[in-house]
Amino acid sequence: MSDIIGYILIIVGILFDIFGCIGLVRFPDVYNRLQASTKCVTLGTILLLVGVAVISGLGATSAKAIICAVFILITSPTAAHAIAKGAYASGVALWENSVVDKYAEESKK
């Protein structure tokens, strides 16, 4: 039974990774692409690693998978935030159909 749950988690993780990659190619600017890659790919990779941990049972492999999942959960959003802030600071423009620029609103205060 745990193998079936593990395989389902892996398949769902792969689907999230694929959707994140599609968003990375299809979205119009760097900020939207960062959102797609950070949210989808982080969740997909964590689901993949949890699926591996469930399939492998208790042991060194599952411990390594969980440690990697926690590391990705912490570092991926942090890196995306740093990239977005660096892109904004260096003058990379928002997409022309963007509605709100919250960072510019906060900077004016």
N, C-alpha and C. Protein backbone atom coordinates (compact mmCIF):
# COMPACT_ATOMS: atom_id res chain seq x y z
N MET A 1 0.81 -1.21 0.00
CA MET A 1 0.00 0.00 0.00
C MET A 1 0.85 1.26 0.00
N SER A 2 1.95 1.22 0.76
CA SER A 2 2.81 2.40 0.80
C SER A 2 3.52 2.62 -0.55
N ASP A 3 3.75 1.53 -1.27
CA ASP A 3 4.34 1.70 -2.59
C ASP A 3 3.40 2.46 -3.52
N ILE A 4 2.12 2.16 -3.46
CA ILE A 4 1.14 2.83 -4.32
C ILE A 4 1.08 4.32 -3.97
N ILE A 5 1.05 4.63 -2.69
CA ILE A 5 1.04 6.04 -2.26
C ILE A 5 2.31 6.75 -2.71
N GLY A 6 3.44 6.07 -2.57
CA GLY A 6 4.71 6.65 -3.00
C GLY A 6 4.74 6.93 -4.49
N TYR A 7 4.24 5.99 -5.29
CA TYR A 7 4.21 6.19 -6.74
C TYR A 7 3.25 7.31 -7.14
N ILE A 8 2.12 7.40 -6.43
CA ILE A 8 1.18 8.49 -6.69
C ILE A 8 1.83 9.83 -6.39
N LEU A 9 2.55 9.92 -5.26
CA LEU A 9 3.25 11.16 -4.92
C LEU A 9 4.30 11.51 -5.97
N ILE A 10 5.01 10.52 -6.46
CA ILE A 10 6.02 10.76 -7.48
C ILE A 10 5.38 11.25 -8.79
N ILE A 11 4.27 10.64 -9.18
CA ILE A 11 3.59 11.06 -10.41
C ILE A 11 3.06 12.48 -10.29
N VAL A 12 2.45 12.80 -9.15
CA VAL A 12 1.94 14.16 -8.94
C VAL A 12 3.11 15.16 -8.91
N GLY A 13 4.22 14.77 -8.30
CA GLY A 13 5.40 15.63 -8.29
C GLY A 13 5.95 15.89 -9.68
N ILE A 14 5.98 14.85 -10.50
CA ILE A 14 6.43 15.02 -11.88
C ILE A 14 5.50 15.95 -12.64
N LEU A 15 4.20 15.82 -12.42
CA LEU A 15 3.24 16.71 -13.09
C LEU A 15 3.44 18.16 -12.68
N PHE A 16 3.66 18.41 -11.39
CA PHE A 16 3.93 19.77 -10.95
C PHE A 16 5.22 20.30 -11.56
N ASP A 17 6.24 19.46 -11.65
CA ASP A 17 7.49 19.89 -12.27
C ASP A 17 7.28 20.23 -13.75
N ILE A 18 6.49 19.42 -14.44
CA ILE A 18 6.21 19.69 -15.86
C ILE A 18 5.45 21.00 -16.01
N PHE A 19 4.43 21.23 -15.17
CA PHE A 19 3.67 22.48 -15.24
C PHE A 19 4.56 23.68 -14.92
N GLY A 20 5.47 23.53 -13.98
CA GLY A 20 6.41 24.62 -13.68
C GLY A 20 7.32 24.92 -14.86
N CYS A 21 7.77 23.88 -15.55
CA CYS A 21 8.63 24.09 -16.72
C CYS A 21 7.86 24.74 -17.86
N ILE A 22 6.60 24.35 -18.03
CA ILE A 22 5.77 24.97 -19.07
C ILE A 22 5.57 26.44 -18.74
N GLY A 23 5.30 26.76 -17.48
CA GLY A 23 5.15 28.15 -17.06
C GLY A 23 6.42 28.94 -17.24
N LEU A 24 7.55 28.29 -17.02
CA LEU A 24 8.84 28.95 -17.20
C LEU A 24 9.05 29.37 -18.65
N VAL A 25 8.55 28.58 -19.58
CA VAL A 25 8.70 28.90 -21.00
C VAL A 25 7.61 29.86 -21.48
N ARG A 26 6.40 29.72 -20.96
CA ARG A 26 5.26 30.44 -21.51
C ARG A 26 5.03 31.83 -20.92
N PHE A 27 5.42 32.07 -19.66
CA PHE A 27 5.10 33.34 -19.03
C PHE A 27 5.94 34.47 -19.61
N PRO A 28 5.41 35.71 -19.57
CA PRO A 28 6.00 36.80 -20.35
C PRO A 28 7.24 37.46 -19.76
N ASP A 29 7.37 37.54 -18.45
CA ASP A 29 8.52 38.26 -17.90
C ASP A 29 9.18 37.45 -16.79
N VAL A 30 10.31 37.96 -16.32
CA VAL A 30 11.11 37.23 -15.36
C VAL A 30 10.37 37.02 -14.04
N TYR A 31 9.53 37.95 -13.66
CA TYR A 31 8.85 37.85 -12.38
C TYR A 31 7.77 36.77 -12.40
N ASN A 32 7.02 36.70 -13.47
CA ASN A 32 6.03 35.63 -13.61
C ASN A 32 6.71 34.27 -13.76
N ARG A 33 7.81 34.24 -14.45
CA ARG A 33 8.55 32.98 -14.60
C ARG A 33 9.11 32.50 -13.27
N LEU A 34 9.57 33.43 -12.46
CA LEU A 34 10.06 33.05 -11.13
C LEU A 34 8.93 32.47 -10.29
N GLN A 35 7.75 33.05 -10.40
CA GLN A 35 6.62 32.54 -9.64
C GLN A 35 6.29 31.11 -10.05
N ALA A 36 6.25 30.87 -11.35
CA ALA A 36 5.92 29.53 -11.84
C ALA A 36 6.98 28.52 -11.41
N SER A 37 8.23 28.90 -11.58
CA SER A 37 9.27 27.94 -11.25
C SER A 37 9.37 27.71 -9.75
N THR A 38 9.19 28.75 -8.96
CA THR A 38 9.33 28.58 -7.52
C THR A 38 8.20 27.75 -6.94
N LYS A 39 6.97 28.11 -7.26
CA LYS A 39 5.84 27.42 -6.63
C LYS A 39 5.68 26.00 -7.15
N CYS A 40 5.61 25.83 -8.46
CA CYS A 40 5.34 24.51 -9.02
C CYS A 40 6.52 23.56 -8.84
N VAL A 41 7.69 24.02 -9.17
CA VAL A 41 8.84 23.12 -9.13
C VAL A 41 9.23 22.78 -7.70
N THR A 42 9.08 23.71 -6.78
CA THR A 42 9.37 23.40 -5.38
C THR A 42 8.41 22.35 -4.86
N LEU A 43 7.11 22.55 -5.09
CA LEU A 43 6.13 21.57 -4.64
C LEU A 43 6.34 20.23 -5.33
N GLY A 44 6.59 20.26 -6.63
CA GLY A 44 6.80 19.01 -7.37
C GLY A 44 8.00 18.24 -6.89
N THR A 45 9.10 18.92 -6.65
CA THR A 45 10.31 18.25 -6.19
C THR A 45 10.14 17.70 -4.78
N ILE A 46 9.44 18.45 -3.93
CA ILE A 46 9.20 17.96 -2.58
C ILE A 46 8.30 16.73 -2.61
N LEU A 47 7.26 16.75 -3.44
CA LEU A 47 6.41 15.56 -3.57
C LEU A 47 7.19 14.37 -4.10
N LEU A 48 8.07 14.61 -5.05
CA LEU A 48 8.93 13.53 -5.56
C LEU A 48 9.77 12.92 -4.44
N LEU A 49 10.40 13.79 -3.66
CA LEU A 49 11.27 13.30 -2.58
C LEU A 49 10.48 12.60 -1.48
N VAL A 50 9.29 13.10 -1.17
CA VAL A 50 8.46 12.43 -0.18
C VAL A 50 8.00 11.07 -0.71
N GLY A 51 7.68 11.00 -2.01
CA GLY A 51 7.34 9.72 -2.61
C GLY A 51 8.47 8.71 -2.53
N VAL A 52 9.68 9.17 -2.77
CA VAL A 52 10.86 8.30 -2.64
C VAL A 52 11.02 7.84 -1.20
N ALA A 53 10.80 8.75 -0.24
CA ALA A 53 10.92 8.39 1.17
C ALA A 53 9.86 7.37 1.57
N VAL A 54 8.65 7.52 1.05
CA VAL A 54 7.59 6.57 1.38
C VAL A 54 7.89 5.19 0.78
N ILE A 55 8.38 5.16 -0.45
CA ILE A 55 8.68 3.88 -1.09
C ILE A 55 9.85 3.17 -0.41
N SER A 56 10.87 3.93 -0.04
CA SER A 56 12.07 3.29 0.51
C SER A 56 11.91 2.88 1.96
N GLY A 57 10.87 3.35 2.64
CA GLY A 57 10.66 2.96 4.03
C GLY A 57 11.63 3.67 4.96
N LEU A 58 11.71 3.19 6.18
CA LEU A 58 12.63 3.79 7.14
C LEU A 58 14.06 3.38 6.81
N GLY A 59 14.94 4.35 6.74
CA GLY A 59 16.32 4.05 6.42
C GLY A 59 17.06 5.28 5.97
N ALA A 60 18.26 5.06 5.50
CA ALA A 60 19.12 6.17 5.10
C ALA A 60 18.59 6.91 3.88
N THR A 61 18.01 6.18 2.94
CA THR A 61 17.50 6.83 1.73
C THR A 61 16.35 7.77 2.04
N SER A 62 15.42 7.34 2.87
CA SER A 62 14.29 8.21 3.21
C SER A 62 14.75 9.40 4.04
N ALA A 63 15.72 9.21 4.91
CA ALA A 63 16.25 10.33 5.70
C ALA A 63 16.91 11.36 4.78
N LYS A 64 17.68 10.90 3.82
CA LYS A 64 18.31 11.82 2.87
C LYS A 64 17.27 12.55 2.03
N ALA A 65 16.22 11.85 1.62
CA ALA A 65 15.17 12.47 0.81
C ALA A 65 14.45 13.55 1.61
N ILE A 66 14.15 13.29 2.86
CA ILE A 66 13.47 14.29 3.69
C ILE A 66 14.38 15.48 3.96
N ILE A 67 15.67 15.24 4.20
CA ILE A 67 16.62 16.35 4.41
C ILE A 67 16.71 17.20 3.15
N CYS A 68 16.76 16.56 1.98
CA CYS A 68 16.80 17.31 0.72
C CYS A 68 15.51 18.10 0.51
N ALA A 69 14.36 17.53 0.88
CA ALA A 69 13.08 18.24 0.73
C ALA A 69 13.05 19.48 1.62
N VAL A 70 13.52 19.37 2.84
CA VAL A 70 13.57 20.53 3.74
C VAL A 70 14.52 21.59 3.19
N PHE A 71 15.65 21.16 2.68
CA PHE A 71 16.62 22.09 2.10
C PHE A 71 16.01 22.83 0.91
N ILE A 72 15.31 22.14 0.04
CA ILE A 72 14.67 22.77 -1.12
C ILE A 72 13.56 23.70 -0.67
N LEU A 73 12.81 23.29 0.35
CA LEU A 73 11.73 24.13 0.86
C LEU A 73 12.24 25.46 1.41
N ILE A 74 13.43 25.46 1.96
CA ILE A 74 14.00 26.70 2.51
C ILE A 74 14.71 27.51 1.43
N THR A 75 15.51 26.87 0.61
CA THR A 75 16.38 27.62 -0.31
C THR A 75 15.70 28.09 -1.58
N SER A 76 14.74 27.36 -2.11
CA SER A 76 14.14 27.74 -3.38
C SER A 76 13.38 29.06 -3.31
N PRO A 77 12.48 29.26 -2.35
CA PRO A 77 11.82 30.57 -2.28
C PRO A 77 12.78 31.71 -1.94
N THR A 78 13.78 31.42 -1.13
CA THR A 78 14.77 32.44 -0.78
C THR A 78 15.56 32.88 -2.01
N ALA A 79 15.97 31.92 -2.81
CA ALA A 79 16.72 32.24 -4.03
C ALA A 79 15.84 32.99 -5.02
N ALA A 80 14.58 32.59 -5.16
CA ALA A 80 13.69 33.29 -6.08
C ALA A 80 13.46 34.73 -5.64
N HIS A 81 13.32 34.93 -4.34
CA HIS A 81 13.16 36.30 -3.83
C HIS A 81 14.39 37.13 -4.13
N ALA A 82 15.57 36.57 -3.92
CA ALA A 82 16.80 37.30 -4.18
C ALA A 82 16.95 37.61 -5.67
N ILE A 83 16.60 36.68 -6.53
CA ILE A 83 16.68 36.91 -7.97
C ILE A 83 15.70 38.00 -8.39
N ALA A 84 14.47 37.95 -7.87
CA ALA A 84 13.46 38.96 -8.22
C ALA A 84 13.87 40.33 -7.74
N LYS A 85 14.38 40.41 -6.53
CA LYS A 85 14.81 41.71 -6.00
C LYS A 85 16.01 42.24 -6.78
N GLY A 86 16.91 41.38 -7.15
CA GLY A 86 18.06 41.79 -7.97
C GLY A 86 17.65 42.23 -9.36
N ALA A 87 16.69 41.52 -9.95
CA ALA A 87 16.20 41.91 -11.27
C ALA A 87 15.51 43.26 -11.20
N TYR A 88 14.73 43.49 -10.16
CA TYR A 88 14.03 44.77 -10.02
C TYR A 88 15.03 45.90 -9.78
N ALA A 89 16.01 45.64 -8.95
CA ALA A 89 17.02 46.67 -8.65
C ALA A 89 17.87 47.00 -9.87
N SER A 90 18.09 46.03 -10.76
CA SER A 90 18.90 46.30 -11.95
C SER A 90 18.08 46.88 -13.10
N GLY A 91 16.77 47.04 -12.89
CA GLY A 91 15.95 47.73 -13.88
C GLY A 91 15.22 46.85 -14.87
N VAL A 92 15.09 45.57 -14.58
CA VAL A 92 14.34 44.71 -15.48
C VAL A 92 12.87 45.09 -15.37
N ALA A 93 12.28 45.46 -16.48
CA ALA A 93 10.91 45.99 -16.49
C ALA A 93 9.88 44.89 -16.29
N LEU A 94 8.77 45.29 -15.68
CA LEU A 94 7.63 44.39 -15.58
C LEU A 94 6.99 44.21 -16.95
N TRP A 95 6.18 43.20 -17.09
CA TRP A 95 5.42 42.98 -18.31
C TRP A 95 4.50 44.18 -18.51
N GLU A 96 4.30 44.60 -19.75
CA GLU A 96 3.53 45.82 -20.01
C GLU A 96 2.08 45.71 -19.56
N ASN A 97 1.53 44.52 -19.43
CA ASN A 97 0.16 44.35 -18.96
C ASN A 97 0.07 44.07 -17.47
N SER A 98 1.15 44.27 -16.74
CA SER A 98 1.12 44.09 -15.30
C SER A 98 0.23 45.15 -14.68
N VAL A 99 -0.53 44.78 -13.68
CA VAL A 99 -1.51 45.67 -13.10
C VAL A 99 -0.94 46.44 -11.91
N VAL A 100 -0.17 45.78 -11.05
CA VAL A 100 0.28 46.38 -9.80
C VAL A 100 1.79 46.18 -9.65
N ASP A 101 2.44 47.19 -9.14
CA ASP A 101 3.85 47.11 -8.78
C ASP A 101 3.96 47.44 -7.29
N LYS A 102 3.79 46.45 -6.44
CA LYS A 102 3.77 46.65 -4.99
C LYS A 102 5.13 47.15 -4.47
N TYR A 103 6.21 46.70 -5.08
CA TYR A 103 7.52 47.13 -4.61
C TYR A 103 7.72 48.62 -4.83
N ALA A 104 7.24 49.15 -5.95
CA ALA A 104 7.35 50.59 -6.20
C ALA A 104 6.46 51.36 -5.24
N GLU A 105 5.29 50.81 -4.93
CA GLU A 105 4.39 51.47 -3.97
C GLU A 105 5.01 51.53 -2.59
N GLU A 106 5.68 50.44 -2.18
CA GLU A 106 6.34 50.42 -0.87
C GLU A 106 7.54 51.35 -0.84
N SER A 107 8.23 51.51 -1.97
CA SER A 107 9.41 52.36 -2.01
C SER A 107 9.04 53.83 -1.90
N LYS A 108 7.84 54.21 -2.35
CA LYS A 108 7.41 55.60 -2.29
C LYS A 108 7.07 56.04 -0.87
N LYS A 109 6.75 55.11 0.00
CA LYS A 109 6.36 55.46 1.37
C LYS A 109 7.51 55.87 2.22
